[in-house]
């Protein structure tokens, strides 16, 4: 049980960090270079971390 809690905490930290990093990108460069929209940061982070 402790390992699953630690895993959940680590995933949440990765999710939060990923959201912050995507939101920090210049919106125009994100579209041109990565093909993403920074307003989709939460969706993209969820897919990257949780696979959903």
C-alpha atoms as a PDB file:
ATOM      1  CA  UNK A   1       0.000   0.000   0.000  1.00  0.00           C
ATOM      2  CA  UNK A   2       2.792   2.422   0.833  1.00  0.00           C
ATOM      3  CA  UNK A   3       4.375   1.803  -2.563  1.00  0.00           C
ATOM      4  CA  UNK A   4       1.120   2.595  -4.346  1.00  0.00           C
ATOM      5  CA  UNK A   5       0.783   5.837  -2.386  1.00  0.00           C
ATOM      6  CA  UNK A   6       4.371   6.772  -3.215  1.00  0.00           C
ATOM      7  CA  UNK A   7       3.746   5.964  -6.859  1.00  0.00           C
ATOM      8  CA  UNK A   8       0.612   8.108  -6.908  1.00  0.00           C
ATOM      9  CA  UNK A   9       2.465  11.015  -5.298  1.00  0.00           C
ATOM     10  CA  UNK A  10       5.318  10.709  -7.795  1.00  0.00           C
ATOM     11  CA  UNK A  11       2.893  10.622 -10.725  1.00  0.00           C
ATOM     12  CA  UNK A  12       1.054  13.668  -9.425  1.00  0.00           C
ATOM     13  CA  UNK A  13       4.352  15.533  -9.113  1.00  0.00           C
ATOM     14  CA  UNK A  14       5.281  14.584 -12.699  1.00  0.00           C
ATOM     15  CA  UNK A  15       1.833  15.662 -13.884  1.00  0.00           C
ATOM     16  CA  UNK A  16       2.095  19.048 -12.155  1.00  0.00           C
ATOM     17  CA  UNK A  17       5.619  19.626 -13.455  1.00  0.00           C
ATOM     18  CA  UNK A  18       4.578  18.709 -16.995  1.00  0.00           C
ATOM     19  CA  UNK A  19       1.591  21.073 -16.892  1.00  0.00           C
ATOM     20  CA  UNK A  20       3.811  23.926 -15.682  1.00  0.00           C
ATOM     21  CA  UNK A  21       6.414  23.251 -18.356  1.00  0.00           C
ATOM     22  CA  UNK A  22       3.856  23.153 -21.167  1.00  0.00           C
ATOM     23  CA  UNK A  23       2.151  26.310 -19.926  1.00  0.00           C
ATOM     24  CA  UNK A  24       5.520  28.074 -19.763  1.00  0.00           C
ATOM     25  CA  UNK A  25       6.154  27.499 -23.475  1.00  0.00           C
ATOM     26  CA  UNK A  26       5.732  30.374 -25.874  1.00  0.00           C
ATOM     27  CA  UNK A  27       2.332  29.619 -27.458  1.00  0.00           C
ATOM     28  CA  UNK A  28       3.445  30.396 -30.999  1.00  0.00           C
ATOM     29  CA  UNK A  29       6.575  28.274 -30.750  1.00  0.00           C
ATOM     30  CA  UNK A  30       4.620  25.422 -29.169  1.00  0.00           C
ATOM     31  CA  UNK A  31       2.314  25.351 -32.169  1.00  0.00           C
ATOM     32  CA  UNK A  32       5.047  25.765 -34.771  1.00  0.00           C
ATOM     33  CA  UNK A  33       7.690  23.486 -33.259  1.00  0.00           C
ATOM     34  CA  UNK A  34       5.704  20.898 -31.330  1.00  0.00           C
ATOM     35  CA  UNK A  35       2.267  21.041 -32.891  1.00  0.00           C
ATOM     36  CA  UNK A  36       0.577  21.529 -29.523  1.00  0.00           C
ATOM     37  CA  UNK A  37      -1.591  24.216 -27.991  1.00  0.00           C
ATOM     38  CA  UNK A  38      -0.503  25.313 -24.524  1.00  0.00           C
ATOM     39  CA  UNK A  39      -4.129  25.575 -23.410  1.00  0.00           C
ATOM     40  CA  UNK A  40      -4.238  21.762 -23.693  1.00  0.00           C
ATOM     41  CA  UNK A  41      -1.515  21.432 -21.042  1.00  0.00           C
ATOM     42  CA  UNK A  42      -3.650  19.438 -18.601  1.00  0.00           C
ATOM     43  CA  UNK A  43      -4.828  16.994 -21.257  1.00  0.00           C
ATOM     44  CA  UNK A  44      -1.325  16.511 -22.637  1.00  0.00           C
ATOM     45  CA  UNK A  45       0.180  16.050 -19.181  1.00  0.00           C
ATOM     46  CA  UNK A  46      -2.497  13.546 -18.182  1.00  0.00           C
ATOM     47  CA  UNK A  47      -1.828  11.519 -21.329  1.00  0.00           C
ATOM     48  CA  UNK A  48       1.933  11.656 -20.795  1.00  0.00           C
ATOM     49  CA  UNK A  49       1.861  10.650 -17.133  1.00  0.00           C
ATOM     50  CA  UNK A  50      -1.215   8.465 -16.774  1.00  0.00           C
ATOM     51  CA  UNK A  51      -1.600   7.233 -20.339  1.00  0.00           C
ATOM     52  CA  UNK A  52      -5.203   8.403 -20.649  1.00  0.00           C
END
